[in-house]
Amino acid sequence: LLLPVFWGEALYVPPFARASLLRSAPAFERIAGRFSLP
């Protein structure tokens, strides 16, 4: 009896502790959010 009112996803960046990936994490989220990617 909990009615969903919003669905979203996060953490599109791969889960690896590489500095280049961590720096690009906001870009992954922006692109995925803009196109509603799974």
PDB file of all heavy atoms in Angstrom:
ATOM      1  N   LEU A   1       0.808  -1.224   0.000  1.00  0.00           N
ATOM      2  CA  LEU A   1       0.000   0.000   0.000  1.00  0.00           C
ATOM      3  C   LEU A   1       0.839   1.271   0.000  1.00  0.00           C
ATOM      4  O   LEU A   1       0.528   2.245   0.682  1.00  0.00           O
ATOM      5  CB  LEU A   1      -0.978  -0.006   1.185  1.00  0.00           C
ATOM      6  CG  LEU A   1      -1.995  -1.140   1.170  1.00  0.00           C
ATOM      7  CD1 LEU A   1      -2.962  -0.996   2.337  1.00  0.00           C
ATOM      8  CD2 LEU A   1      -2.757  -1.206  -0.146  1.00  0.00           C
ATOM      9  N   LEU A   2       1.906   1.249  -0.762  1.00  0.00           N
ATOM     10  CA  LEU A   2       2.716   2.434  -1.003  1.00  0.00           C
ATOM     11  C   LEU A   2       2.622   2.756  -2.494  1.00  0.00           C
ATOM     12  O   LEU A   2       3.003   1.943  -3.339  1.00  0.00           O
ATOM     13  CB  LEU A   2       4.159   2.203  -0.579  1.00  0.00           C
ATOM     14  CG  LEU A   2       4.361   1.996   0.928  1.00  0.00           C
ATOM     15  CD1 LEU A   2       5.760   1.463   1.227  1.00  0.00           C
ATOM     16  CD2 LEU A   2       4.124   3.294   1.691  1.00  0.00           C
ATOM     17  N   LEU A   3       2.079   3.920  -2.813  1.00  0.00           N
ATOM     18  CA  LEU A   3       1.779   4.279  -4.186  1.00  0.00           C
ATOM     19  C   LEU A   3       2.918   5.081  -4.801  1.00  0.00           C
ATOM     20  O   LEU A   3       3.195   6.202  -4.373  1.00  0.00           O
ATOM     21  CB  LEU A   3       0.489   5.107  -4.232  1.00  0.00           C
ATOM     22  CG  LEU A   3       0.046   5.605  -5.611  1.00  0.00           C
ATOM     23  CD1 LEU A   3      -0.328   4.418  -6.498  1.00  0.00           C
ATOM     24  CD2 LEU A   3      -1.120   6.573  -5.471  1.00  0.00           C
ATOM     25  N   PRO A   4       3.620   4.555  -5.809  1.00  0.00           N
ATOM     26  CA  PRO A   4       4.712   5.300  -6.438  1.00  0.00           C
ATOM     27  C   PRO A   4       4.213   6.585  -7.108  1.00  0.00           C
ATOM     28  O   PRO A   4       3.210   6.572  -7.821  1.00  0.00           O
ATOM     29  CB  PRO A   4       5.253   4.312  -7.480  1.00  0.00           C
ATOM     30  CG  PRO A   4       4.845   2.964  -6.984  1.00  0.00           C
ATOM     31  CD  PRO A   4       3.515   3.179  -6.340  1.00  0.00           C
ATOM     32  N   VAL A   5       4.940   7.676  -6.869  1.00  0.00           N
ATOM     33  CA  VAL A   5       4.609   8.958  -7.494  1.00  0.00           C
ATOM     34  C   VAL A   5       5.769   9.490  -8.326  1.00  0.00           C
ATOM     35  O   VAL A   5       5.614  10.477  -9.046  1.00  0.00           O
ATOM     36  CB  VAL A   5       4.195  10.003  -6.433  1.00  0.00           C
ATOM     37  CG1 VAL A   5       2.919   9.571  -5.738  1.00  0.00           C
ATOM     38  CG2 VAL A   5       5.314  10.230  -5.416  1.00  0.00           C
ATOM     39  N   PHE A   6       6.928   8.846  -8.228  1.00  0.00           N
ATOM     40  CA  PHE A   6       8.093   9.267  -9.003  1.00  0.00           C
ATOM     41  C   PHE A   6       9.032   8.081  -9.183  1.00  0.00           C
ATOM     42  O   PHE A   6       9.289   7.336  -8.235  1.00  0.00           O
ATOM     43  CB  PHE A   6       8.838  10.410  -8.303  1.00  0.00           C
ATOM     44  CG  PHE A   6      10.186  10.707  -8.910  1.00  0.00           C
ATOM     45  CD1 PHE A   6      10.282  11.489 -10.055  1.00  0.00           C
ATOM     46  CD2 PHE A   6      11.353  10.190  -8.359  1.00  0.00           C
ATOM     47  CE1 PHE A   6      11.526  11.745 -10.640  1.00  0.00           C
ATOM     48  CE2 PHE A   6      12.593  10.445  -8.926  1.00  0.00           C
ATOM     49  CZ  PHE A   6      12.668  11.231 -10.071  1.00  0.00           C
ATOM     50  N   TRP A   7       9.539   7.920 -10.416  1.00  0.00           N
ATOM     51  CA  TRP A   7      10.545   6.905 -10.700  1.00  0.00           C
ATOM     52  C   TRP A   7      11.773   7.581 -11.297  1.00  0.00           C
ATOM     53  O   TRP A   7      11.643   8.445 -12.170  1.00  0.00           O
ATOM     54  CB  TRP A   7      10.019   5.880 -11.701  1.00  0.00           C
ATOM     55  CG  TRP A   7       9.000   4.947 -11.146  1.00  0.00           C
ATOM     56  CD1 TRP A   7       7.648   5.125 -11.166  1.00  0.00           C
ATOM     57  CD2 TRP A   7       9.241   3.701 -10.496  1.00  0.00           C
ATOM     58  NE1 TRP A   7       7.029   4.052 -10.568  1.00  0.00           N
ATOM     59  CE2 TRP A   7       7.978   3.166 -10.156  1.00  0.00           C
ATOM     60  CE3 TRP A   7      10.397   2.987 -10.186  1.00  0.00           C
ATOM     61  CZ2 TRP A   7       7.845   1.948  -9.502  1.00  0.00           C
ATOM     62  CZ3 TRP A   7      10.260   1.770  -9.521  1.00  0.00           C
ATOM     63  CH2 TRP A   7       9.000   1.260  -9.193  1.00  0.00           C
ATOM     64  N   GLY A   8      12.930   7.183 -10.847  1.00  0.00           N
ATOM     65  CA  GLY A   8      14.161   7.708 -11.411  1.00  0.00           C
ATOM     66  C   GLY A   8      15.270   6.682 -11.305  1.00  0.00           C
ATOM     67  O   GLY A   8      15.131   5.649 -10.629  1.00  0.00           O
ATOM     68  N   GLU A   9      16.366   6.954 -11.970  1.00  0.00           N
ATOM     69  CA  GLU A   9      17.561   6.118 -11.876  1.00  0.00           C
ATOM     70  C   GLU A   9      18.767   7.025 -11.692  1.00  0.00           C
ATOM     71  O   GLU A   9      18.744   8.198 -12.061  1.00  0.00           O
ATOM     72  CB  GLU A   9      17.736   5.258 -13.131  1.00  0.00           C
ATOM     73  CG  GLU A   9      16.679   4.192 -13.305  1.00  0.00           C
ATOM     74  CD  GLU A   9      16.983   3.248 -14.464  1.00  0.00           C
ATOM     75  OE1 GLU A   9      18.170   2.999 -14.737  1.00  0.00           O
ATOM     76  OE2 GLU A   9      16.031   2.774 -15.099  1.00  0.00           O
ATOM     77  N   ALA A  10      19.816   6.474 -11.093  1.00  0.00           N
ATOM     78  CA  ALA A  10      21.068   7.204 -10.901  1.00  0.00           C
ATOM     79  C   ALA A  10      22.219   6.218 -10.979  1.00  0.00           C
ATOM     80  O   ALA A  10      22.013   5.002 -11.064  1.00  0.00           O
ATOM     81  CB  ALA A  10      21.075   7.938  -9.561  1.00  0.00           C
ATOM     82  N   LEU A  11      23.432   6.735 -10.942  1.00  0.00           N
ATOM     83  CA  LEU A  11      24.667   5.953 -11.008  1.00  0.00           C
ATOM     84  C   LEU A  11      24.823   5.258 -12.364  1.00  0.00           C
ATOM     85  O   LEU A  11      24.935   4.029 -12.464  1.00  0.00           O
ATOM     86  CB  LEU A  11      24.742   4.932  -9.865  1.00  0.00           C
ATOM     87  CG  LEU A  11      24.659   5.495  -8.440  1.00  0.00           C
ATOM     88  CD1 LEU A  11      24.886   4.395  -7.418  1.00  0.00           C
ATOM     89  CD2 LEU A  11      25.638   6.631  -8.236  1.00  0.00           C
ATOM     90  N   TYR A  12      24.848   6.070 -13.396  1.00  0.00           N
ATOM     91  CA  TYR A  12      25.140   5.563 -14.731  1.00  0.00           C
ATOM     92  C   TYR A  12      26.648   5.376 -14.944  1.00  0.00           C
ATOM     93  O   TYR A  12      27.062   4.620 -15.818  1.00  0.00           O
ATOM     94  CB  TYR A  12      24.588   6.509 -15.794  1.00  0.00           C
ATOM     95  CG  TYR A  12      23.081   6.506 -15.881  1.00  0.00           C
ATOM     96  CD1 TYR A  12      22.323   7.371 -15.088  1.00  0.00           C
ATOM     97  CD2 TYR A  12      22.409   5.639 -16.730  1.00  0.00           C
ATOM     98  CE1 TYR A  12      20.942   7.370 -15.153  1.00  0.00           C
ATOM     99  CE2 TYR A  12      21.025   5.628 -16.806  1.00  0.00           C
ATOM    100  CZ  TYR A  12      20.298   6.499 -16.012  1.00  0.00           C
ATOM    101  OH  TYR A  12      18.927   6.479 -16.077  1.00  0.00           O
ATOM    102  N   VAL A  13      27.449   6.090 -14.170  1.00  0.00           N
ATOM    103  CA  VAL A  13      28.893   5.948 -14.296  1.00  0.00           C
ATOM    104  C   VAL A  13      29.301   4.546 -13.843  1.00  0.00           C
ATOM    105  O   VAL A  13      28.752   4.005 -12.873  1.00  0.00           O
ATOM    106  CB  VAL A  13      29.613   7.026 -13.446  1.00  0.00           C
ATOM    107  CG1 VAL A  13      29.301   6.855 -11.968  1.00  0.00           C
ATOM    108  CG2 VAL A  13      31.113   6.987 -13.684  1.00  0.00           C
ATOM    109  N   PRO A  14      30.226   3.875 -14.518  1.00  0.00           N
ATOM    110  CA  PRO A  14      30.670   2.547 -14.085  1.00  0.00           C
ATOM    111  C   PRO A  14      31.259   2.591 -12.669  1.00  0.00           C
ATOM    112  O   PRO A  14      31.908   3.568 -12.291  1.00  0.00           O
ATOM    113  CB  PRO A  14      31.740   2.173 -15.122  1.00  0.00           C
ATOM    114  CG  PRO A  14      31.367   2.954 -16.343  1.00  0.00           C
ATOM    115  CD  PRO A  14      30.819   4.259 -15.822  1.00  0.00           C
ATOM    116  N   PRO A  15      31.055   1.534 -11.870  1.00  0.00           N
ATOM    117  CA  PRO A  15      31.460   1.538 -10.460  1.00  0.00           C
ATOM    118  C   PRO A  15      32.928   1.202 -10.242  1.00  0.00           C
ATOM    119  O   PRO A  15      33.268   0.258  -9.519  1.00  0.00           O
ATOM    120  CB  PRO A  15      30.551   0.469  -9.849  1.00  0.00           C
ATOM    121  CG  PRO A  15      30.365  -0.513 -10.959  1.00  0.00           C
ATOM    122  CD  PRO A  15      30.301   0.307 -12.217  1.00  0.00           C
ATOM    123  N   PHE A  16      33.792   1.975 -10.863  1.00  0.00           N
ATOM    124  CA  PHE A  16      35.221   1.741 -10.723  1.00  0.00           C
ATOM    125  C   PHE A  16      35.896   3.030 -10.267  1.00  0.00           C
ATOM    126  O   PHE A  16      35.540   4.121 -10.723  1.00  0.00           O
ATOM    127  CB  PHE A  16      35.817   1.272 -12.048  1.00  0.00           C
ATOM    128  CG  PHE A  16      35.124   0.058 -12.615  1.00  0.00           C
ATOM    129  CD1 PHE A  16      34.450   0.135 -13.822  1.00  0.00           C
ATOM    130  CD2 PHE A  16      35.137  -1.151 -11.925  1.00  0.00           C
ATOM    131  CE1 PHE A  16      33.797  -0.973 -14.340  1.00  0.00           C
ATOM    132  CE2 PHE A  16      34.495  -2.261 -12.439  1.00  0.00           C
ATOM    133  CZ  PHE A  16      33.811  -2.176 -13.647  1.00  0.00           C
ATOM    134  N   ALA A  17      36.870   2.884  -9.389  1.00  0.00           N
ATOM    135  CA  ALA A  17      37.500   4.051  -8.759  1.00  0.00           C
ATOM    136  C   ALA A  17      38.619   4.617  -9.605  1.00  0.00           C
ATOM    137  O   ALA A  17      39.724   4.873  -9.127  1.00  0.00           O
ATOM    138  CB  ALA A  17      38.014   3.671  -7.373  1.00  0.00           C
ATOM    139  N   ARG A  18      38.367   4.830 -10.879  1.00  0.00           N
ATOM    140  CA  ARG A  18      39.343   5.458 -11.759  1.00  0.00           C
ATOM    141  C   ARG A  18      39.084   6.960 -11.783  1.00  0.00           C
ATOM    142  O   ARG A  18      37.952   7.398 -11.941  1.00  0.00           O
ATOM    143  CB  ARG A  18      39.242   4.885 -13.166  1.00  0.00           C
ATOM    144  CG  ARG A  18      39.542   3.389 -13.235  1.00  0.00           C
ATOM    145  CD  ARG A  18      39.281   2.852 -14.635  1.00  0.00           C
ATOM    146  NE  ARG A  18      39.452   1.401 -14.688  1.00  0.00           N
ATOM    147  CZ  ARG A  18      39.108   0.656 -15.730  1.00  0.00           C
ATOM    148  NH1 ARG A  18      38.564   1.231 -16.809  1.00  0.00           N
ATOM    149  NH2 ARG A  18      39.289  -0.652 -15.710  1.00  0.00           N
ATOM    150  N   ALA A  19      40.132   7.723 -11.661  1.00  0.00           N
ATOM    151  CA  ALA A  19      39.976   9.178 -11.569  1.00  0.00           C
ATOM    152  C   ALA A  19      39.245   9.743 -12.773  1.00  0.00           C
ATOM    153  O   ALA A  19      38.402  10.641 -12.641  1.00  0.00           O
ATOM    154  CB  ALA A  19      41.344   9.842 -11.418  1.00  0.00           C
ATOM    155  N   SER A  20      39.515   9.225 -13.957  1.00  0.00           N
ATOM    156  CA  SER A  20      38.867   9.754 -15.161  1.00  0.00           C
ATOM    157  C   SER A  20      37.365   9.492 -15.145  1.00  0.00           C
ATOM    158  O   SER A  20      36.565  10.350 -15.546  1.00  0.00           O
ATOM    159  CB  SER A  20      39.493   9.130 -16.419  1.00  0.00           C
ATOM    160  OG  SER A  20      39.372   7.709 -16.384  1.00  0.00           O
ATOM    161  N   LEU A  21      36.966   8.321 -14.663  1.00  0.00           N
ATOM    162  CA  LEU A  21      35.545   8.005 -14.573  1.00  0.00           C
ATOM    163  C   LEU A  21      34.851   8.865 -13.527  1.00  0.00           C
ATOM    164  O   LEU A  21      33.742   9.360 -13.747  1.00  0.00           O
ATOM    165  CB  LEU A  21      35.353   6.524 -14.241  1.00  0.00           C
ATOM    166  CG  LEU A  21      35.611   5.530 -15.366  1.00  0.00           C
ATOM    167  CD1 LEU A  21      35.470   4.106 -14.841  1.00  0.00           C
ATOM    168  CD2 LEU A  21      34.643   5.760 -16.524  1.00  0.00           C
ATOM    169  N   LEU A  22      35.497   9.053 -12.385  1.00  0.00           N
ATOM    170  CA  LEU A  22      34.888   9.850 -11.320  1.00  0.00           C
ATOM    171  C   LEU A  22      34.692  11.293 -11.762  1.00  0.00           C
ATOM    172  O   LEU A  22      33.682  11.926 -11.434  1.00  0.00           O
ATOM    173  CB  LEU A  22      35.757   9.788 -10.059  1.00  0.00           C
ATOM    174  CG  LEU A  22      35.945   8.394  -9.444  1.00  0.00           C
ATOM    175  CD1 LEU A  22      36.774   8.479  -8.173  1.00  0.00           C
ATOM    176  CD2 LEU A  22      34.599   7.734  -9.169  1.00  0.00           C
ATOM    177  N   ARG A  23      35.653  11.819 -12.506  1.00  0.00           N
ATOM    178  CA  ARG A  23      35.517  13.203 -12.990  1.00  0.00           C
ATOM    179  C   ARG A  23      34.383  13.337 -14.000  1.00  0.00           C
ATOM    180  O   ARG A  23      33.737  14.387 -14.083  1.00  0.00           O
ATOM    181  CB  ARG A  23      36.832  13.665 -13.617  1.00  0.00           C
ATOM    182  CG  ARG A  23      37.949  13.939 -12.630  1.00  0.00           C
ATOM    183  CD  ARG A  23      39.080  14.713 -13.298  1.00  0.00           C
ATOM    184  NE  ARG A  23      39.669  13.958 -14.412  1.00  0.00           N
ATOM    185  CZ  ARG A  23      40.706  13.142 -14.291  1.00  0.00           C
ATOM    186  NH1 ARG A  23      41.264  12.967 -13.094  1.00  0.00           N
ATOM    187  NH2 ARG A  23      41.194  12.497 -15.346  1.00  0.00           N
ATOM    188  N   SER A  24      34.134  12.268 -14.753  1.00  0.00           N
ATOM    189  CA  SER A  24      33.101  12.336 -15.788  1.00  0.00           C
ATOM    190  C   SER A  24      31.729  11.892 -15.289  1.00  0.00           C
ATOM    191  O   SER A  24      30.765  11.888 -16.070  1.00  0.00           O
ATOM    192  CB  SER A  24      33.499  11.474 -16.986  1.00  0.00           C
ATOM    193  OG  SER A  24      33.639  10.103 -16.603  1.00  0.00           O
ATOM    194  N   ALA A  25      31.611  11.537 -14.019  1.00  0.00           N
ATOM    195  CA  ALA A  25      30.339  11.034 -13.488  1.00  0.00           C
ATOM    196  C   ALA A  25      29.176  12.004 -13.715  1.00  0.00           C
ATOM    197  O   ALA A  25      28.087  11.593 -14.138  1.00  0.00           O
ATOM    198  CB  ALA A  25      30.483  10.707 -12.004  1.00  0.00           C
ATOM    199  N   PRO A  26      29.332  13.319 -13.448  1.00  0.00           N
ATOM    200  CA  PRO A  26      28.204  14.237 -13.712  1.00  0.00           C
ATOM    201  C   PRO A  26      27.768  14.234 -15.175  1.00  0.00           C
ATOM    202  O   PRO A  26      26.570  14.360 -15.462  1.00  0.00           O
ATOM    203  CB  PRO A  26      28.762  15.599 -13.294  1.00  0.00           C
ATOM    204  CG  PRO A  26      29.833  15.286 -12.296  1.00  0.00           C
ATOM    205  CD  PRO A  26      30.455  14.010 -12.788  1.00  0.00           C
ATOM    206  N   ALA A  27      28.703  14.076 -16.089  1.00  0.00           N
ATOM    207  CA  ALA A  27      28.352  14.040 -17.507  1.00  0.00           C
ATOM    208  C   ALA A  27      27.525  12.796 -17.835  1.00  0.00           C
ATOM    209  O   ALA A  27      26.559  12.865 -18.605  1.00  0.00           O
ATOM    210  CB  ALA A  27      29.619  14.073 -18.366  1.00  0.00           C
ATOM    211  N   PHE A  28      27.899  11.637 -17.252  1.00  0.00           N
ATOM    212  CA  PHE A  28      27.104  10.427 -17.436  1.00  0.00           C
ATOM    213  C   PHE A  28      25.660  10.675 -17.006  1.00  0.00           C
ATOM    214  O   PHE A  28      24.708  10.297 -17.704  1.00  0.00           O
ATOM    215  CB  PHE A  28      27.687   9.272 -16.605  1.00  0.00           C
ATOM    216  CG  PHE A  28      28.822   8.536 -17.260  1.00  0.00           C
ATOM    217  CD1 PHE A  28      30.145   8.888 -17.028  1.00  0.00           C
ATOM    218  CD2 PHE A  28      28.567   7.462 -18.100  1.00  0.00           C
ATOM    219  CE1 PHE A  28      31.190   8.204 -17.621  1.00  0.00           C
ATOM    220  CE2 PHE A  28      29.607   6.765 -18.698  1.00  0.00           C
ATOM    221  CZ  PHE A  28      30.925   7.136 -18.463  1.00  0.00           C
ATOM    222  N   GLU A  29      25.477  11.296 -15.837  1.00  0.00           N
ATOM    223  CA  GLU A  29      24.135  11.520 -15.309  1.00  0.00           C
ATOM    224  C   GLU A  29      23.349  12.500 -16.174  1.00  0.00           C
ATOM    225  O   GLU A  29      22.158  12.300 -16.426  1.00  0.00           O
ATOM    226  CB  GLU A  29      24.214  12.041 -13.868  1.00  0.00           C
ATOM    227  CG  GLU A  29      24.953  11.141 -12.905  1.00  0.00           C
ATOM    228  CD  GLU A  29      24.289   9.784 -12.716  1.00  0.00           C
ATOM    229  OE1 GLU A  29      23.091   9.742 -12.402  1.00  0.00           O
ATOM    230  OE2 GLU A  29      24.990   8.760 -12.883  1.00  0.00           O
ATOM    231  N   ARG A  30      23.998  13.568 -16.626  1.00  0.00           N
ATOM    232  CA  ARG A  30      23.295  14.566 -17.442  1.00  0.00           C
ATOM    233  C   ARG A  30      22.814  13.966 -18.760  1.00  0.00           C
ATOM    234  O   ARG A  30      21.667  14.174 -19.171  1.00  0.00           O
ATOM    235  CB  ARG A  30      24.207  15.761 -17.724  1.00  0.00           C
ATOM    236  CG  ARG A  30      24.395  16.705 -16.557  1.00  0.00           C
ATOM    237  CD  ARG A  30      24.989  18.020 -17.020  1.00  0.00           C
ATOM    238  NE  ARG A  30      26.274  17.836 -17.708  1.00  0.00           N
ATOM    239  CZ  ARG A  30      27.446  17.850 -17.092  1.00  0.00           C
ATOM    240  NH1 ARG A  30      27.512  18.015 -15.772  1.00  0.00           N
ATOM    241  NH2 ARG A  30      28.574  17.687 -17.776  1.00  0.00           N
ATOM    242  N   ILE A  31      23.684  13.221 -19.424  1.00  0.00           N
ATOM    243  CA  ILE A  31      23.313  12.635 -20.713  1.00  0.00           C
ATOM    244  C   ILE A  31      22.197  11.605 -20.538  1.00  0.00           C
ATOM    245  O   ILE A  31      21.209  11.589 -21.283  1.00  0.00           O
ATOM    246  CB  ILE A  31      24.541  11.997 -21.381  1.00  0.00           C
ATOM    247  CG1 ILE A  31      25.561  13.082 -21.739  1.00  0.00           C
ATOM    248  CG2 ILE A  31      24.136  11.206 -22.612  1.00  0.00           C
ATOM    249  CD1 ILE A  31      26.902  12.538 -22.201  1.00  0.00           C
ATOM    250  N   ALA A  32      22.339  10.736 -19.541  1.00  0.00           N
ATOM    251  CA  ALA A  32      21.320   9.712 -19.301  1.00  0.00           C
ATOM    252  C   ALA A  32      19.989  10.346 -18.919  1.00  0.00           C
ATOM    253  O   ALA A  32      18.926   9.905 -19.370  1.00  0.00           O
ATOM    254  CB  ALA A  32      21.782   8.757 -18.206  1.00  0.00           C
ATOM    255  N   GLY A  33      20.033  11.375 -18.077  1.00  0.00           N
ATOM    256  CA  GLY A  33      18.805  12.042 -17.679  1.00  0.00           C
ATOM    257  C   GLY A  33      18.131  12.775 -18.819  1.00  0.00           C
ATOM    258  O   GLY A  33      16.899  12.776 -18.942  1.00  0.00           O
ATOM    259  N   ARG A  34      18.924  13.378 -19.669  1.00  0.00           N
ATOM    260  CA  ARG A  34      18.364  14.146 -20.787  1.00  0.00           C
ATOM    261  C   ARG A  34      17.599  13.238 -21.746  1.00  0.00           C
ATOM    262  O   ARG A  34      16.559  13.616 -22.283  1.00  0.00           O
ATOM    263  CB  ARG A  34      19.481  14.859 -21.534  1.00  0.00           C
ATOM    264  CG  ARG A  34      19.011  15.728 -22.710  1.00  0.00           C
ATOM    265  CD  ARG A  34      20.201  16.418 -23.343  1.00  0.00           C
ATOM    266  NE  ARG A  34      20.943  17.208 -22.363  1.00  0.00           N
ATOM    267  CZ  ARG A  34      22.148  17.738 -22.588  1.00  0.00           C
ATOM    268  NH1 ARG A  34      22.749  17.529 -23.769  1.00  0.00           N
ATOM    269  NH2 ARG A  34      22.766  18.446 -21.664  1.00  0.00           N
ATOM    270  N   PHE A  35      18.101  12.025 -21.959  1.00  0.00           N
ATOM    271  CA  PHE A  35      17.471  11.114 -22.913  1.00  0.00           C
ATOM    272  C   PHE A  35      16.677   9.993 -22.234  1.00  0.00           C
ATOM    273  O   PHE A  35      16.224   9.064 -22.909  1.00  0.00           O
ATOM    274  CB  PHE A  35      18.540  10.509 -23.830  1.00  0.00           C
ATOM    275  CG  PHE A  35      19.235  11.529 -24.690  1.00  0.00           C
ATOM    276  CD1 PHE A  35      20.493  11.998 -24.342  1.00  0.00           C
ATOM    277  CD2 PHE A  35      18.616  12.039 -25.818  1.00  0.00           C
ATOM    278  CE1 PHE A  35      21.145  12.946 -25.127  1.00  0.00           C
ATOM    279  CE2 PHE A  35      19.252  12.986 -26.611  1.00  0.00           C
ATOM    280  CZ  PHE A  35      20.519  13.452 -26.262  1.00  0.00           C
ATOM    281  N   SER A  36      16.526  10.089 -20.904  1.00  0.00           N
ATOM    282  CA  SER A  36      15.767   9.080 -20.141  1.00  0.00           C
ATOM    283  C   SER A  36      16.245   7.663 -20.443  1.00  0.00           C
ATOM    284  O   SER A  36      15.463   6.750 -20.727  1.00  0.00           O
ATOM    285  CB  SER A  36      14.273   9.197 -20.451  1.00  0.00           C
ATOM    286  OG  SER A  36      13.788  10.471 -20.093  1.00  0.00           O
ATOM    287  N   LEU A  37      17.549   7.491 -20.389  1.00  0.00           N
ATOM    288  CA  LEU A  37      18.136   6.201 -20.724  1.00  0.00           C
ATOM    289  C   LEU A  37      17.963   5.194 -19.586  1.00  0.00           C
ATOM    290  O   LEU A  37      17.983   5.557 -18.412  1.00  0.00           O
ATOM    291  CB  LEU A  37      19.630   6.374 -21.020  1.00  0.00           C
ATOM    292  CG  LEU A  37      19.986   7.286 -22.205  1.00  0.00           C
ATOM    293  CD1 LEU A  37      21.493   7.392 -22.328  1.00  0.00           C
ATOM    294  CD2 LEU A  37      19.374   6.753 -23.496  1.00  0.00           C
ATOM    295  N   PRO A  38      17.791   3.900 -19.913  1.00  0.00           N
ATOM    296  CA  PRO A  38      17.800   2.861 -18.882  1.00  0.00           C
ATOM    297  C   PRO A  38      19.232   2.514 -18.512  1.00  0.00           C
ATOM    298  O   PRO A  38      20.184   3.001 -19.117  1.00  0.00           O
ATOM    299  CB  PRO A  38      17.108   1.690 -19.583  1.00  0.00           C
ATOM    300  CG  PRO A  38      17.490   1.871 -21.021  1.00  0.00           C
ATOM    301  CD  PRO A  38      17.538   3.374 -21.264  1.00  0.00           C
TER     302      PRO A  38
END
